[in-house]
């Protein structure tokens, strides 16, 4: 999960919210909303970080429309999520599709509790948290340790480590080398997109960077 910094809401959403009897269902400019969410999220899912696009995504209400009707048009409550196995059996669903109306505490928009600091990424592709509540949300509510996602994260991490070993076969990865690679995975491409599953790579490279610092 990568922290999301909200930008300016679409003008169409602002104007719609001022209308009488406005709600999410009668908001007609959802394509503009999708593009806005994609832009600020770097075209990755707000939860699992897989690639999303305008024609393959969902608009997620972090606090559900059913329980928080007053927030259904609040841009700070809206996120871009993957389709999450929609239509599949429950154990194969994840992210917003699995979450449904369940309330969660972890929020990629939270400025005070950065989601990036709350999640650990294991070498086998699994994720966890020291916070018991968040750990349950990652596993049971969002199903982010379903095998497909675990395999995808592991594959991305292994590819980066393989590249580093190929470029520096002696394993002499300096702080400069690691910092450069971290920056590459932290930055967006020229097209404004983040690399899918970027946080697992950043997490492990920062751990290696930290171990170098402790050896000094």
Protein backbone atom coordinates (compact mmCIF):
# COMPACT_ATOMS: atom_id res chain seq x y z
CA UNK A 1 0.00 0.00 0.00
CA UNK A 2 1.36 3.38 -1.00
CA UNK A 3 0.46 6.70 0.58
CA UNK A 4 -1.79 8.84 -1.61
CA UNK A 5 -1.66 12.62 -1.59
CA UNK A 6 -4.92 14.12 -2.76
CA UNK A 7 -4.93 16.72 -5.50
CA UNK A 8 -7.69 19.08 -6.57
CA UNK A 9 -11.05 17.41 -7.05
CA UNK A 10 -12.62 17.39 -10.52
CA UNK A 11 -14.63 20.53 -11.23
CA UNK A 12 -17.57 18.40 -12.32
CA UNK A 13 -17.70 16.70 -8.89
CA UNK A 14 -17.61 20.05 -7.10
CA UNK A 15 -20.40 21.44 -9.28
CA UNK A 16 -22.51 18.30 -8.95
CA UNK A 17 -22.26 18.34 -5.15
CA UNK A 18 -23.84 21.81 -5.10
CA UNK A 19 -26.96 20.63 -6.92
CA UNK A 20 -30.20 19.75 -5.19
CA UNK A 21 -30.70 16.00 -4.71
CA UNK A 22 -27.12 15.27 -5.79
CA UNK A 23 -25.81 11.82 -5.00
CA UNK A 24 -23.13 9.48 -6.33
CA UNK A 25 -25.50 7.52 -8.56
CA UNK A 26 -26.69 10.59 -10.48
CA UNK A 27 -23.18 11.99 -10.91
CA UNK A 28 -22.63 11.58 -14.67
CA UNK A 29 -18.96 12.56 -15.02
CA UNK A 30 -17.41 9.48 -13.45
CA UNK A 31 -14.88 9.20 -16.27
CA UNK A 32 -13.40 12.52 -15.21
CA UNK A 33 -13.31 11.27 -11.63
CA UNK A 34 -11.54 8.07 -12.70
CA UNK A 35 -8.88 10.03 -14.55
CA UNK A 36 -8.33 12.27 -11.55
CA UNK A 37 -7.90 9.29 -9.21
CA UNK A 38 -5.56 7.54 -11.64
CA UNK A 39 -3.40 10.64 -11.94
CA UNK A 40 -2.91 11.17 -8.22
CA UNK A 41 -2.36 7.45 -7.53
CA UNK A 42 0.08 6.89 -10.38
CA UNK A 43 -2.25 4.31 -11.98
CA UNK A 44 -1.92 1.72 -9.20
CA UNK A 45 -4.62 0.30 -6.93
CA UNK A 46 -5.02 2.12 -3.63
CA UNK A 47 -4.68 -1.18 -1.73
CA UNK A 48 -2.76 -3.90 -3.60
CA UNK A 49 -0.75 -1.59 -5.93
CA UNK A 50 -1.40 -3.55 -9.11
CA UNK A 51 -1.79 -1.56 -12.34
CA UNK A 52 -5.24 -0.07 -12.93
CA UNK A 53 -6.67 1.86 -15.85
CA UNK A 54 -9.83 3.82 -16.58
CA UNK A 55 -11.54 0.78 -18.09
CA UNK A 56 -10.30 -1.65 -15.43
CA UNK A 57 -10.86 -0.09 -12.04
CA UNK A 58 -13.46 0.66 -9.40
CA UNK A 59 -14.18 3.91 -7.59
CA UNK A 60 -13.80 3.02 -3.94
CA UNK A 61 -15.57 4.79 -1.09
CA UNK A 62 -13.19 4.31 1.86
CA UNK A 63 -16.16 4.89 4.13
CA UNK A 64 -19.04 3.14 2.42
CA UNK A 65 -21.95 4.87 0.72
CA UNK A 66 -24.45 2.79 2.68
CA UNK A 67 -23.08 3.73 6.09
CA UNK A 68 -21.82 7.26 5.33
CA UNK A 69 -24.26 8.73 2.84
CA UNK A 70 -23.01 12.26 3.59
CA UNK A 71 -19.53 11.29 2.30
CA UNK A 72 -20.59 9.70 -1.00
CA UNK A 73 -19.46 12.78 -2.97
CA UNK A 74 -16.56 13.76 -0.72
CA UNK A 75 -13.42 13.60 -2.85
CA UNK A 76 -11.32 12.84 0.23
CA UNK A 77 -13.33 9.65 0.65
CA UNK A 78 -12.81 8.43 -2.92
CA UNK A 79 -10.03 6.17 -4.17
CA UNK A 80 -9.17 4.21 -7.29
CA UNK A 81 -9.14 0.45 -6.72
CA UNK A 82 -8.60 -2.61 -8.90
CA UNK A 83 -11.53 -4.84 -9.84
CA UNK A 84 -10.40 -7.22 -7.12
CA UNK A 85 -11.66 -10.46 -8.60
CA UNK A 86 -15.20 -9.17 -8.97
CA UNK A 87 -17.51 -12.07 -9.73
CA UNK A 88 -15.08 -14.64 -8.32
CA UNK A 89 -15.63 -16.70 -5.17
CA UNK A 90 -15.07 -14.75 -1.95
CA UNK A 91 -11.66 -16.30 -1.22
CA UNK A 92 -10.41 -15.04 -4.59
CA UNK A 93 -11.65 -11.49 -4.07
CA UNK A 94 -9.51 -8.70 -2.66
CA UNK A 95 -9.29 -4.94 -2.13
CA UNK A 96 -12.59 -3.02 -2.43
CA UNK A 97 -14.47 -6.00 -3.86
CA UNK A 98 -13.64 -8.10 -0.80
CA UNK A 99 -13.99 -5.20 1.65
CA UNK A 100 -17.52 -4.21 0.70
CA UNK A 101 -19.03 -2.07 3.47
CA UNK A 102 -16.62 -3.25 6.15
CA UNK A 103 -14.91 -0.39 7.95
CA UNK A 104 -11.12 -0.38 8.12
CA UNK A 105 -8.64 1.77 10.00
CA UNK A 106 -5.73 1.68 7.56
CA UNK A 107 -6.12 4.48 5.05
CA UNK A 108 -3.67 5.37 2.24
CA UNK A 109 -4.86 8.99 2.58
CA UNK A 110 -4.08 9.32 6.31
CA UNK A 111 -1.50 12.07 6.88
CA UNK A 112 -0.92 11.12 10.52
CA UNK A 113 -0.49 7.35 10.20
CA UNK A 114 1.41 6.78 6.98
CA UNK A 115 0.31 3.40 5.63
CA UNK A 116 3.82 2.84 4.27
CA UNK A 117 5.14 2.74 7.83
CA UNK A 118 2.49 0.30 9.05
CA UNK A 119 3.15 -2.60 6.68
CA UNK A 120 6.04 -5.07 6.52
CA UNK A 121 6.89 -6.88 3.29
CA UNK A 122 8.42 -10.33 3.64
CA UNK A 123 10.82 -11.84 1.13
CA UNK A 124 8.22 -14.46 0.20
CA UNK A 125 5.83 -11.74 -0.98
CA UNK A 126 3.53 -11.73 2.05
CA UNK A 127 2.67 -8.64 4.03
CA UNK A 128 1.88 -8.08 7.70
CA UNK A 129 1.62 -5.40 10.36
CA UNK A 130 2.61 -5.17 14.01
CA UNK A 131 -0.76 -3.53 14.60
CA UNK A 132 -3.17 -6.39 15.28
CA UNK A 133 -6.18 -4.53 13.88
CA UNK A 134 -4.39 -3.55 10.68
CA UNK A 135 -2.94 -7.03 10.28
CA UNK A 136 -6.48 -8.43 10.37
CA UNK A 137 -7.62 -5.84 7.83
CA UNK A 138 -4.81 -6.73 5.45
CA UNK A 139 -5.57 -10.44 5.68
CA UNK A 140 -9.27 -10.85 6.34
CA UNK A 141 -10.92 -7.67 5.04
CA UNK A 142 -8.75 -6.76 2.04
CA UNK A 143 -7.34 -10.27 1.44
CA UNK A 144 -3.98 -8.84 0.37
CA UNK A 145 -2.20 -12.11 1.10
CA UNK A 146 -4.19 -14.09 -1.43
CA UNK A 147 -1.71 -16.21 -3.38
CA UNK A 148 -1.88 -14.34 -6.69
CA UNK A 149 -0.94 -11.04 -5.04
CA UNK A 150 1.78 -12.73 -2.95
CA UNK A 151 3.27 -14.27 -6.10
CA UNK A 152 3.15 -10.96 -7.97
CA UNK A 153 4.93 -9.08 -5.20
CA UNK A 154 7.53 -11.79 -4.81
CA UNK A 155 8.20 -11.86 -8.56
CA UNK A 156 8.73 -8.08 -8.68
CA UNK A 157 11.12 -8.15 -5.71
CA UNK A 158 13.10 -11.10 -7.06
CA UNK A 159 13.47 -9.41 -10.44
CA UNK A 160 14.95 -6.26 -8.88
CA UNK A 161 17.32 -8.23 -6.66
CA UNK A 162 18.38 -10.31 -9.66
CA UNK A 163 19.14 -7.13 -11.61
CA UNK A 164 21.23 -5.78 -8.75
CA UNK A 165 23.16 -9.04 -8.45
CA UNK A 166 23.77 -9.01 -12.20
CA UNK A 167 25.03 -5.43 -12.16
CA UNK A 168 27.05 -5.86 -8.96
CA UNK A 169 27.93 -9.59 -8.71
CA UNK A 170 30.25 -9.04 -5.75
CA UNK A 171 27.33 -7.83 -3.68
CA UNK A 172 29.04 -4.53 -3.01
CA UNK A 173 25.84 -2.51 -3.02
CA UNK A 174 26.81 0.90 -1.73
CA UNK A 175 24.48 3.46 -0.19
CA UNK A 176 24.61 5.41 -3.45
CA UNK A 177 23.58 2.36 -5.48
CA UNK A 178 20.70 1.50 -3.16
CA UNK A 179 19.52 5.10 -2.90
CA UNK A 180 19.45 5.38 -6.68
CA UNK A 181 17.40 2.20 -7.00
CA UNK A 182 15.02 3.30 -4.23
CA UNK A 183 14.51 6.60 -6.04
CA UNK A 184 13.74 4.79 -9.28
CA UNK A 185 10.99 2.82 -7.56
CA UNK A 186 9.70 5.80 -5.60
CA UNK A 187 9.36 8.10 -8.61
CA UNK A 188 6.74 8.02 -11.31
CA UNK A 189 7.58 7.27 -14.93
CA UNK A 190 7.44 10.11 -17.43
CA UNK A 191 3.86 9.03 -18.11
CA UNK A 192 2.99 9.67 -14.46
CA UNK A 193 2.71 6.00 -13.50
CA UNK A 194 4.27 4.23 -10.53
CA UNK A 195 5.71 0.76 -11.00
CA UNK A 196 3.19 -1.88 -9.83
CA UNK A 197 3.87 -3.29 -6.35
CA UNK A 198 6.55 -0.62 -5.85
CA UNK A 199 6.44 -0.62 -2.06
CA UNK A 200 7.79 -4.16 -1.59
CA UNK A 201 10.93 -3.16 -3.50
CA UNK A 202 11.31 0.12 -1.62
CA UNK A 203 10.84 -1.64 1.72
CA UNK A 204 13.52 -4.26 1.09
CA UNK A 205 16.04 -1.86 -0.41
CA UNK A 206 15.61 0.46 2.57
CA UNK A 207 16.26 -2.51 4.88
CA UNK A 208 19.49 -3.25 3.04
CA UNK A 209 20.40 0.44 3.22
CA UNK A 210 19.76 0.44 6.96
CA UNK A 211 21.98 -2.62 7.46
CA UNK A 212 24.85 -0.82 5.70
CA UNK A 213 24.39 2.12 8.05
CA UNK A 214 24.55 -0.16 11.11
CA UNK A 215 27.82 -1.68 9.92
CA UNK A 216 29.54 1.70 9.85
